[in-house]
Structure formats: structure tokens, C-alpha cells
Amino acid sequence: MRMLQVQVGGEAALVRAGKVRQVISLTASQGVAPRVVSVLPIAVEAGAAFELTVTGSNIADEDAQLLCRQAGACRALLRLLTAAEVL
């Protein structure tokens, strides 16, 4: 079963099987733990097509999956780009 990381502010919770297994400080683990810095746009009109830009560190590993909430459902982003691909 995969581990899920949920980031809130400067902390991240590691969740497995619906239970929080560990809470880590993102400041203390800077450069190691995945960290989302910004998401644009913050909101979109219902039904509108959009592209989501997420910046951060350690979020584009081969086995990483970034999830977002859309219309009350949790959905996986289709593709993560590395910094080199964006530039």
C-alpha cells in the first residue's frame, strides 16, 4: 500500500490506509521531503478548461503522484514536468 503525503502549511502528514502515521516539519526536512510552494490558478470556474501550474521541490519523482480536488473529488494530475522541461 502506498504512502500519501498531505501538506498543510509548514508541515506534512504521512498517511497510509486512512491513518496518519507521522507528521513532519517541512522546514526541518528541507530538500528531502516533497514540498508544494505554489499552485496557480488558485480557483477556476466550474466546467472551464484549465492548466494547473504547481511549483515546489521533490514533487516530480518517477513514482510521485500529485492529487488535486475538483468538484469534490480527488483527481490525479496527468503529468508532472521537471524544472528543466518547464524552462
PDB file of N, CA and C in Angstrom:
ATOM      1  N   MET A   1       0.848  -1.178   0.000  1.00  0.00           N
ATOM      2  CA  MET A   1       0.000   0.000   0.000  1.00  0.00           C
ATOM      3  C   MET A   1       0.893   1.240   0.000  1.00  0.00           C
ATOM      4  N   ARG A   2       0.533   2.234  -0.786  1.00  0.00           N
ATOM      5  CA  ARG A   2       1.335   3.440  -0.930  1.00  0.00           C
ATOM      6  C   ARG A   2       1.095   4.411   0.216  1.00  0.00           C
ATOM      7  N   MET A   3       2.117   5.208   0.480  1.00  0.00           N
ATOM      8  CA  MET A   3       2.051   6.262   1.490  1.00  0.00           C
ATOM      9  C   MET A   3       1.608   7.545   0.799  1.00  0.00           C
ATOM     10  N   LEU A   4       0.731   8.279   1.440  1.00  0.00           N
ATOM     11  CA  LEU A   4       0.216   9.546   0.924  1.00  0.00           C
ATOM     12  C   LEU A   4       0.749  10.661   1.796  1.00  0.00           C
ATOM     13  N   GLN A   5       1.256  11.721   1.167  1.00  0.00           N
ATOM     14  CA  GLN A   5       1.717  12.883   1.921  1.00  0.00           C
ATOM     15  C   GLN A   5       0.721  14.011   1.723  1.00  0.00           C
ATOM     16  N   VAL A   6       0.233  14.567   2.815  1.00  0.00           N
ATOM     17  CA  VAL A   6      -0.704  15.687   2.774  1.00  0.00           C
ATOM     18  C   VAL A   6       0.000  16.886   3.396  1.00  0.00           C
ATOM     19  N   GLN A   7       0.157  17.952   2.603  1.00  0.00           N
ATOM     20  CA  GLN A   7       0.856  19.139   3.089  1.00  0.00           C
ATOM     21  C   GLN A   7      -0.132  20.201   3.524  1.00  0.00           C
ATOM     22  N   VAL A   8       0.085  20.737   4.721  1.00  0.00           N
ATOM     23  CA  VAL A   8      -0.700  21.851   5.238  1.00  0.00           C
ATOM     24  C   VAL A   8       0.280  22.821   5.875  1.00  0.00           C
ATOM     25  N   GLY A   9       0.406  24.003   5.280  1.00  0.00           N
ATOM     26  CA  GLY A   9       1.345  24.978   5.820  1.00  0.00           C
ATOM     27  C   GLY A   9       2.752  24.446   5.811  1.00  0.00           C
ATOM     28  N   GLY A  10       3.437  24.534   6.935  1.00  0.00           N
ATOM     29  CA  GLY A  10       4.828  24.098   7.034  1.00  0.00           C
ATOM     30  C   GLY A  10       5.000  22.675   7.506  1.00  0.00           C
ATOM     31  N   GLU A  11       3.920  21.899   7.508  1.00  0.00           N
ATOM     32  CA  GLU A  11       4.006  20.506   7.954  1.00  0.00           C
ATOM     33  C   GLU A  11       3.388  19.575   6.908  1.00  0.00           C
ATOM     34  N   ALA A  12       3.805  18.334   6.978  1.00  0.00           N
ATOM     35  CA  ALA A  12       3.242  17.308   6.102  1.00  0.00           C
ATOM     36  C   ALA A  12       2.892  16.095   6.942  1.00  0.00           C
ATOM     37  N   ALA A  13       1.768  15.499   6.651  1.00  0.00           N
ATOM     38  CA  ALA A  13       1.349  14.272   7.325  1.00  0.00           C
ATOM     39  C   ALA A  13       1.529  13.116   6.352  1.00  0.00           C
ATOM     40  N   LEU A  14       2.119  12.040   6.836  1.00  0.00           N
ATOM     41  CA  LEU A  14       2.257  10.831   6.039  1.00  0.00           C
ATOM     42  C   LEU A  14       1.104   9.911   6.424  1.00  0.00           C
ATOM     43  N   VAL A  15       0.306   9.543   5.422  1.00  0.00           N
ATOM     44  CA  VAL A  15      -0.930   8.797   5.660  1.00  0.00           C
ATOM     45  C   VAL A  15      -0.873   7.467   4.907  1.00  0.00           C
ATOM     46  N   ARG A  16      -1.229   6.401   5.596  1.00  0.00           N
ATOM     47  CA  ARG A  16      -1.345   5.080   4.971  1.00  0.00           C
ATOM     48  C   ARG A  16      -2.602   4.428   5.503  1.00  0.00           C
ATOM     49  N   ALA A  17      -3.395   3.858   4.611  1.00  0.00           N
ATOM     50  CA  ALA A  17      -4.632   3.165   4.975  1.00  0.00           C
ATOM     51  C   ALA A  17      -5.573   4.074   5.770  1.00  0.00           C
ATOM     52  N   GLY A  18      -5.589   5.358   5.423  1.00  0.00           N
ATOM     53  CA  GLY A  18      -6.504   6.299   6.054  1.00  0.00           C
ATOM     54  C   GLY A  18      -6.102   6.778   7.438  1.00  0.00           C
ATOM     55  N   LYS A  19      -4.906   6.395   7.894  1.00  0.00           N
ATOM     56  CA  LYS A  19      -4.444   6.796   9.221  1.00  0.00           C
ATOM     57  C   LYS A  19      -3.151   7.595   9.120  1.00  0.00           C
ATOM     58  N   VAL A  20      -3.059   8.683   9.900  1.00  0.00           N
ATOM     59  CA  VAL A  20      -1.835   9.480   9.945  1.00  0.00           C
ATOM     60  C   VAL A  20      -0.768   8.665  10.660  1.00  0.00           C
ATOM     61  N   ARG A  21       0.330   8.414   9.965  1.00  0.00           N
ATOM     62  CA  ARG A  21       1.413   7.609  10.535  1.00  0.00           C
ATOM     63  C   ARG A  21       2.506   8.483  11.134  1.00  0.00           C
ATOM     64  N   GLN A  22       2.699   9.674  10.547  1.00  0.00           N
ATOM     65  CA  GLN A  22       3.756  10.554  11.032  1.00  0.00           C
ATOM     66  C   GLN A  22       3.483  11.967  10.540  1.00  0.00           C
ATOM     67  N   VAL A  23       3.837  12.962  11.339  1.00  0.00           N
ATOM     68  CA  VAL A  23       3.768  14.364  10.935  1.00  0.00           C
ATOM     69  C   VAL A  23       5.192  14.891  10.949  1.00  0.00           C
ATOM     70  N   ILE A  24       5.610  15.504   9.840  1.00  0.00           N
ATOM     71  CA  ILE A  24       6.977  16.017   9.751  1.00  0.00           C
ATOM     72  C   ILE A  24       6.963  17.516   9.475  1.00  0.00           C
ATOM     73  N   SER A  25       7.979  18.187   9.960  1.00  0.00           N
ATOM     74  CA  SER A  25       8.168  19.607   9.691  1.00  0.00           C
ATOM     75  C   SER A  25       8.866  19.742   8.345  1.00  0.00           C
ATOM     76  N   LEU A  26       8.291  20.496   7.419  1.00  0.00           N
ATOM     77  CA  LEU A  26       8.917  20.689   6.117  1.00  0.00           C
ATOM     78  C   LEU A  26      10.141  21.584   6.219  1.00  0.00           C
ATOM     79  N   THR A  27      10.174  22.449   7.211  1.00  0.00           N
ATOM     80  CA  THR A  27      11.340  23.308   7.412  1.00  0.00           C
ATOM     81  C   THR A  27      12.537  22.459   7.841  1.00  0.00           C
ATOM     82  N   ALA A  28      12.317  21.548   8.771  1.00  0.00           N
ATOM     83  CA  ALA A  28      13.392  20.695   9.275  1.00  0.00           C
ATOM     84  C   ALA A  28      13.866  19.689   8.231  1.00  0.00           C
ATOM     85  N   SER A  29      13.002  19.301   7.308  1.00  0.00           N
ATOM     86  CA  SER A  29      13.367  18.305   6.294  1.00  0.00           C
ATOM     87  C   SER A  29      13.506  18.933   4.918  1.00  0.00           C
ATOM     88  N   GLN A  30      13.877  20.207   4.887  1.00  0.00           N
ATOM     89  CA  GLN A  30      14.011  20.929   3.619  1.00  0.00           C
ATOM     90  C   GLN A  30      15.009  20.234   2.707  1.00  0.00           C
ATOM     91  N   GLY A  31      14.636  20.063   1.454  1.00  0.00           N
ATOM     92  CA  GLY A  31      15.487  19.416   0.478  1.00  0.00           C
ATOM     93  C   GLY A  31      15.316  17.909   0.410  1.00  0.00           C
ATOM     94  N   VAL A  32      14.590  17.324   1.360  1.00  0.00           N
ATOM     95  CA  VAL A  32      14.390  15.876   1.385  1.00  0.00           C
ATOM     96  C   VAL A  32      12.941  15.521   1.071  1.00  0.00           C
ATOM     97  N   ALA A  33      12.019  16.099   1.823  1.00  0.00           N
ATOM     98  CA  ALA A  33      10.597  15.797   1.657  1.00  0.00           C
ATOM     99  C   ALA A  33      10.022  16.599   0.490  1.00  0.00           C
ATOM    100  N   PRO A  34       9.053  16.026  -0.236  1.00  0.00           N
ATOM    101  CA  PRO A  34       8.362  16.797  -1.266  1.00  0.00           C
ATOM    102  C   PRO A  34       7.683  18.015  -0.641  1.00  0.00           C
ATOM    103  N   ARG A  35       7.699  19.132  -1.357  1.00  0.00           N
ATOM    104  CA  ARG A  35       7.096  20.353  -0.826  1.00  0.00           C
ATOM    105  C   ARG A  35       6.460  21.151  -1.961  1.00  0.00           C
ATOM    106  N   VAL A  36       5.191  21.483  -1.802  1.00  0.00           N
ATOM    107  CA  VAL A  36       4.490  22.335  -2.762  1.00  0.00           C
ATOM    108  C   VAL A  36       4.646  23.773  -2.294  1.00  0.00           C
ATOM    109  N   VAL A  37       5.143  24.638  -3.182  1.00  0.00           N
ATOM    110  CA  VAL A  37       5.364  26.039  -2.850  1.00  0.00           C
ATOM    111  C   VAL A  37       4.205  26.898  -3.328  1.00  0.00           C
ATOM    112  N   SER A  38       3.739  26.649  -4.553  1.00  0.00           N
ATOM    113  CA  SER A  38       2.612  27.435  -5.061  1.00  0.00           C
ATOM    114  C   SER A  38       1.796  26.641  -6.070  1.00  0.00           C
ATOM    115  N   VAL A  39       0.531  27.021  -6.195  1.00  0.00           N
ATOM    116  CA  VAL A  39      -0.390  26.420  -7.159  1.00  0.00           C
ATOM    117  C   VAL A  39      -1.123  27.563  -7.854  1.00  0.00           C
ATOM    118  N   LEU A  40      -1.100  27.564  -9.175  1.00  0.00           N
ATOM    119  CA  LEU A  40      -1.793  28.595  -9.958  1.00  0.00           C
ATOM    120  C   LEU A  40      -2.583  27.946 -11.075  1.00  0.00           C
ATOM    121  N   PRO A  41      -3.764  28.342 -11.372  1.00  0.00           N
ATOM    122  CA  PRO A  41      -4.553  29.319 -10.645  1.00  0.00           C
ATOM    123  C   PRO A  41      -5.092  28.713  -9.340  1.00  0.00           C
ATOM    124  N   ILE A  42      -5.431  29.572  -8.410  1.00  0.00           N
ATOM    125  CA  ILE A  42      -5.951  29.119  -7.125  1.00  0.00           C
ATOM    126  C   ILE A  42      -7.353  28.548  -7.289  1.00  0.00           C
ATOM    127  N   ALA A  43      -8.142  29.139  -8.171  1.00  0.00           N
ATOM    128  CA  ALA A  43      -9.517  28.668  -8.417  1.00  0.00           C
ATOM    129  C   ALA A  43      -9.834  28.854  -9.895  1.00  0.00           C
ATOM    130  N   VAL A  44     -10.740  28.023 -10.398  1.00  0.00           N
ATOM    131  CA  VAL A  44     -11.208  28.155 -11.780  1.00  0.00           C
ATOM    132  C   VAL A  44     -12.729  28.022 -11.801  1.00  0.00           C
ATOM    133  N   GLU A  45     -13.325  28.537 -12.840  1.00  0.00           N
ATOM    134  CA  GLU A  45     -14.768  28.454 -12.996  1.00  0.00           C
ATOM    135  C   GLU A  45     -15.172  27.015 -13.286  1.00  0.00           C
ATOM    136  N   ALA A  46     -16.254  26.576 -12.687  1.00  0.00           N
ATOM    137  CA  ALA A  46     -16.735  25.204 -12.876  1.00  0.00           C
ATOM    138  C   ALA A  46     -16.924  24.908 -14.353  1.00  0.00           C
ATOM    139  N   GLY A  47     -16.415  23.790 -14.790  1.00  0.00           N
ATOM    140  CA  GLY A  47     -16.573  23.362 -16.175  1.00  0.00           C
ATOM    141  C   GLY A  47     -15.567  23.965 -17.140  1.00  0.00           C
ATOM    142  N   ALA A  48     -14.762  24.921 -16.693  1.00  0.00           N
ATOM    143  CA  ALA A  48     -13.782  25.569 -17.573  1.00  0.00           C
ATOM    144  C   ALA A  48     -12.548  24.689 -17.744  1.00  0.00           C
ATOM    145  N   ALA A  49     -11.986  24.725 -18.936  1.00  0.00           N
ATOM    146  CA  ALA A  49     -10.721  24.029 -19.165  1.00  0.00           C
ATOM    147  C   ALA A  49      -9.610  24.862 -18.533  1.00  0.00           C
ATOM    148  N   PHE A  50      -8.618  24.200 -17.970  1.00  0.00           N
ATOM    149  CA  PHE A  50      -7.535  24.953 -17.340  1.00  0.00           C
ATOM    150  C   PHE A  50      -6.266  24.116 -17.276  1.00  0.00           C
ATOM    151  N   GLU A  51      -5.149  24.798 -17.127  1.00  0.00           N
ATOM    152  CA  GLU A  51      -3.875  24.147 -16.857  1.00  0.00           C
ATOM    153  C   GLU A  51      -3.459  24.567 -15.465  1.00  0.00           C
ATOM    154  N   LEU A  52      -2.961  23.641 -14.716  1.00  0.00           N
ATOM    155  CA  LEU A  52      -2.558  23.885 -13.342  1.00  0.00           C
ATOM    156  C   LEU A  52      -1.038  23.910 -13.286  1.00  0.00           C
ATOM    157  N   THR A  53      -0.489  24.957 -12.689  1.00  0.00           N
ATOM    158  CA  THR A  53       0.958  25.067 -12.512  1.00  0.00           C
ATOM    159  C   THR A  53       1.272  24.903 -11.036  1.00  0.00           C
ATOM    160  N   VAL A  54       2.060  23.880 -10.727  1.00  0.00           N
ATOM    161  CA  VAL A  54       2.457  23.604  -9.348  1.00  0.00           C
ATOM    162  C   VAL A  54       3.974  23.723  -9.287  1.00  0.00           C
ATOM    163  N   THR A  55       4.464  24.565  -8.371  1.00  0.00           N
ATOM    164  CA  THR A  55       5.906  24.664  -8.174  1.00  0.00           C
ATOM    165  C   THR A  55       6.248  24.127  -6.794  1.00  0.00           C
ATOM    166  N   GLY A  56       7.433  23.573  -6.690  1.00  0.00           N
ATOM    167  CA  GLY A  56       7.861  23.024  -5.420  1.00  0.00           C
ATOM    168  C   GLY A  56       9.173  22.289  -5.569  1.00  0.00           C
ATOM    169  N   SER A  57       9.474  21.460  -4.612  1.00  0.00           N
ATOM    170  CA  SER A  57      10.707  20.671  -4.670  1.00  0.00           C
ATOM    171  C   SER A  57      10.383  19.203  -4.415  1.00  0.00           C
ATOM    172  N   ASN A  58      11.113  18.350  -5.092  1.00  0.00           N
ATOM    173  CA  ASN A  58      10.969  16.893  -4.945  1.00  0.00           C
ATOM    174  C   ASN A  58       9.541  16.405  -5.223  1.00  0.00           C
ATOM    175  N   ILE A  59       8.869  17.001  -6.196  1.00  0.00           N
ATOM    176  CA  ILE A  59       7.493  16.587  -6.496  1.00  0.00           C
ATOM    177  C   ILE A  59       7.366  15.863  -7.833  1.00  0.00           C
ATOM    178  N   ALA A  60       8.453  15.697  -8.570  1.00  0.00           N
ATOM    179  CA  ALA A  60       8.369  15.074  -9.888  1.00  0.00           C
ATOM    180  C   ALA A  60       9.164  13.774  -9.963  1.00  0.00           C
ATOM    181  N   ASP A  61       9.238  13.036  -8.866  1.00  0.00           N
ATOM    182  CA  ASP A  61       9.893  11.731  -8.885  1.00  0.00           C
ATOM    183  C   ASP A  61       9.093  10.783  -9.780  1.00  0.00           C
ATOM    184  N   GLU A  62       9.753   9.737 -10.252  1.00  0.00           N
ATOM    185  CA  GLU A  62       9.093   8.794 -11.156  1.00  0.00           C
ATOM    186  C   GLU A  62       7.822   8.194 -10.572  1.00  0.00           C
ATOM    187  N   ASP A  63       7.835   7.897  -9.291  1.00  0.00           N
ATOM    188  CA  ASP A  63       6.673   7.247  -8.686  1.00  0.00           C
ATOM    189  C   ASP A  63       5.759   8.228  -7.947  1.00  0.00           C
ATOM    190  N   ALA A  64       6.020   9.528  -8.111  1.00  0.00           N
ATOM    191  CA  ALA A  64       5.198  10.542  -7.429  1.00  0.00           C
ATOM    192  C   ALA A  64       3.876  10.745  -8.167  1.00  0.00           C
ATOM    193  N   GLN A  65       2.856  11.046  -7.411  1.00  0.00           N
ATOM    194  CA  GLN A  65       1.554  11.350  -7.990  1.00  0.00           C
ATOM    195  C   GLN A  65       0.989  12.536  -7.216  1.00  0.00           C
ATOM    196  N   LEU A  66       0.670  13.599  -7.925  1.00  0.00           N
ATOM    197  CA  LEU A  66       0.128  14.795  -7.299  1.00  0.00           C
ATOM    198  C   LEU A  66      -1.380  14.790  -7.486  1.00  0.00           C
ATOM    199  N   LEU A  67      -2.116  14.911  -6.382  1.00  0.00           N
ATOM    200  CA  LEU A  67      -3.570  14.874  -6.424  1.00  0.00           C
ATOM    201  C   LEU A  67      -4.131  16.265  -6.179  1.00  0.00           C
ATOM    202  N   CYS A  68      -5.257  16.569  -6.821  1.00  0.00           N
ATOM    203  CA  CYS A  68      -5.935  17.842  -6.577  1.00  0.00           C
ATOM    204  C   CYS A  68      -7.430  17.574  -6.408  1.00  0.00           C
ATOM    205  N   ARG A  69      -8.107  18.517  -5.777  1.00  0.00           N
ATOM    206  CA  ARG A  69      -9.550  18.404  -5.578  1.00  0.00           C
ATOM    207  C   ARG A  69     -10.266  19.145  -6.686  1.00  0.00           C
ATOM    208  N   GLN A  70     -11.229  18.486  -7.304  1.00  0.00           N
ATOM    209  CA  GLN A  70     -12.016  19.104  -8.363  1.00  0.00           C
ATOM    210  C   GLN A  70     -13.445  18.602  -8.237  1.00  0.00           C
ATOM    211  N   ALA A  71     -14.365  19.532  -8.070  1.00  0.00           N
ATOM    212  CA  ALA A  71     -15.787  19.199  -7.943  1.00  0.00           C
ATOM    213  C   ALA A  71     -16.023  18.164  -6.842  1.00  0.00           C
ATOM    214  N   GLY A  72     -15.296  18.306  -5.735  1.00  0.00           N
ATOM    215  CA  GLY A  72     -15.489  17.416  -4.594  1.00  0.00           C
ATOM    216  C   GLY A  72     -14.799  16.075  -4.709  1.00  0.00           C
ATOM    217  N   ALA A  73     -14.122  15.824  -5.813  1.00  0.00           N
ATOM    218  CA  ALA A  73     -13.436  14.543  -5.993  1.00  0.00           C
ATOM    219  C   ALA A  73     -11.926  14.770  -6.031  1.00  0.00           C
ATOM    220  N   CYS A  74     -11.194  13.784  -5.604  1.00  0.00           N
ATOM    221  CA  CYS A  74      -9.739  13.846  -5.638  1.00  0.00           C
ATOM    222  C   CYS A  74      -9.282  13.260  -6.965  1.00  0.00           C
ATOM    223  N   ARG A  75      -8.530  14.031  -7.720  1.00  0.00           N
ATOM    224  CA  ARG A  75      -8.097  13.577  -9.043  1.00  0.00           C
ATOM    225  C   ARG A  75      -6.588  13.692  -9.177  1.00  0.00           C
ATOM    226  N   ALA A  76      -5.998  12.773  -9.890  1.00  0.00           N
ATOM    227  CA  ALA A  76      -4.553  12.804 -10.125  1.00  0.00           C
ATOM    228  C   ALA A  76      -4.257  13.712 -11.310  1.00  0.00           C
ATOM    229  N   LEU A  77      -3.178  14.501 -11.184  1.00  0.00           N
ATOM    230  CA  LEU A  77      -2.724  15.280 -12.332  1.00  0.00           C
ATOM    231  C   LEU A  77      -2.135  14.297 -13.330  1.00  0.00           C
ATOM    232  N   LEU A  78      -2.321  14.562 -14.598  1.00  0.00           N
ATOM    233  CA  LEU A  78      -1.913  13.608 -15.611  1.00  0.00           C
ATOM    234  C   LEU A  78      -0.415  13.508 -15.796  1.00  0.00           C
ATOM    235  N   ARG A  79       0.290  14.644 -15.689  1.00  0.00           N
ATOM    236  CA  ARG A  79       1.716  14.617 -15.966  1.00  0.00           C
ATOM    237  C   ARG A  79       2.427  15.688 -15.163  1.00  0.00           C
ATOM    238  N   LEU A  80       3.542  15.331 -14.559  1.00  0.00           N
ATOM    239  CA  LEU A  80       4.365  16.292 -13.840  1.00  0.00           C
ATOM    240  C   LEU A  80       5.566  16.638 -14.709  1.00  0.00           C
ATOM    241  N   LEU A  81       5.905  17.909 -14.782  1.00  0.00           N
ATOM    242  CA  LEU A  81       7.063  18.357 -15.541  1.00  0.00           C
ATOM    243  C   LEU A  81       8.190  18.688 -14.571  1.00  0.00           C
ATOM    244  N   THR A  82       9.411  18.359 -14.949  1.00  0.00           N
ATOM    245  CA  THR A  82      10.557  18.757 -14.149  1.00  0.00           C
ATOM    246  C   THR A  82      10.873  20.208 -14.456  1.00  0.00           C
ATOM    247  N   ALA A  83      11.715  20.849 -13.636  1.00  0.00           N
ATOM    248  CA  ALA A  83      12.102  22.237 -13.860  1.00  0.00           C
ATOM    249  C   ALA A  83      12.755  22.399 -15.237  1.00  0.00           C
ATOM    250  N   ALA A  84      13.533  21.431 -15.665  1.00  0.00           N
ATOM    251  CA  ALA A  84      14.188  21.513 -16.965  1.00  0.00           C
ATOM    252  C   ALA A  84      13.177  21.534 -18.103  1.00  0.00           C
ATOM    253  N   GLU A  85      12.073  20.794 -17.972  1.00  0.00           N
ATOM    254  CA  GLU A  85      11.052  20.763 -19.010  1.00  0.00           C
ATOM    255  C   GLU A  85      10.272  22.069 -19.071  1.00  0.00           C
ATOM    256  N   VAL A  86      10.109  22.725 -17.925  1.00  0.00           N
ATOM    257  CA  VAL A  86       9.359  23.967 -17.876  1.00  0.00           C
ATOM    258  C   VAL A  86      10.159  25.089 -18.510  1.00  0.00           C
ATOM    259  N   LEU A  87      11.470  25.118 -18.255  1.00  0.00           N
ATOM    260  CA  LEU A  87      12.338  26.160 -18.805  1.00  0.00           C
ATOM    261  C   LEU A  87      12.544  25.912 -20.246  1.00  0.00           C
TER     262      LEU A  87
END
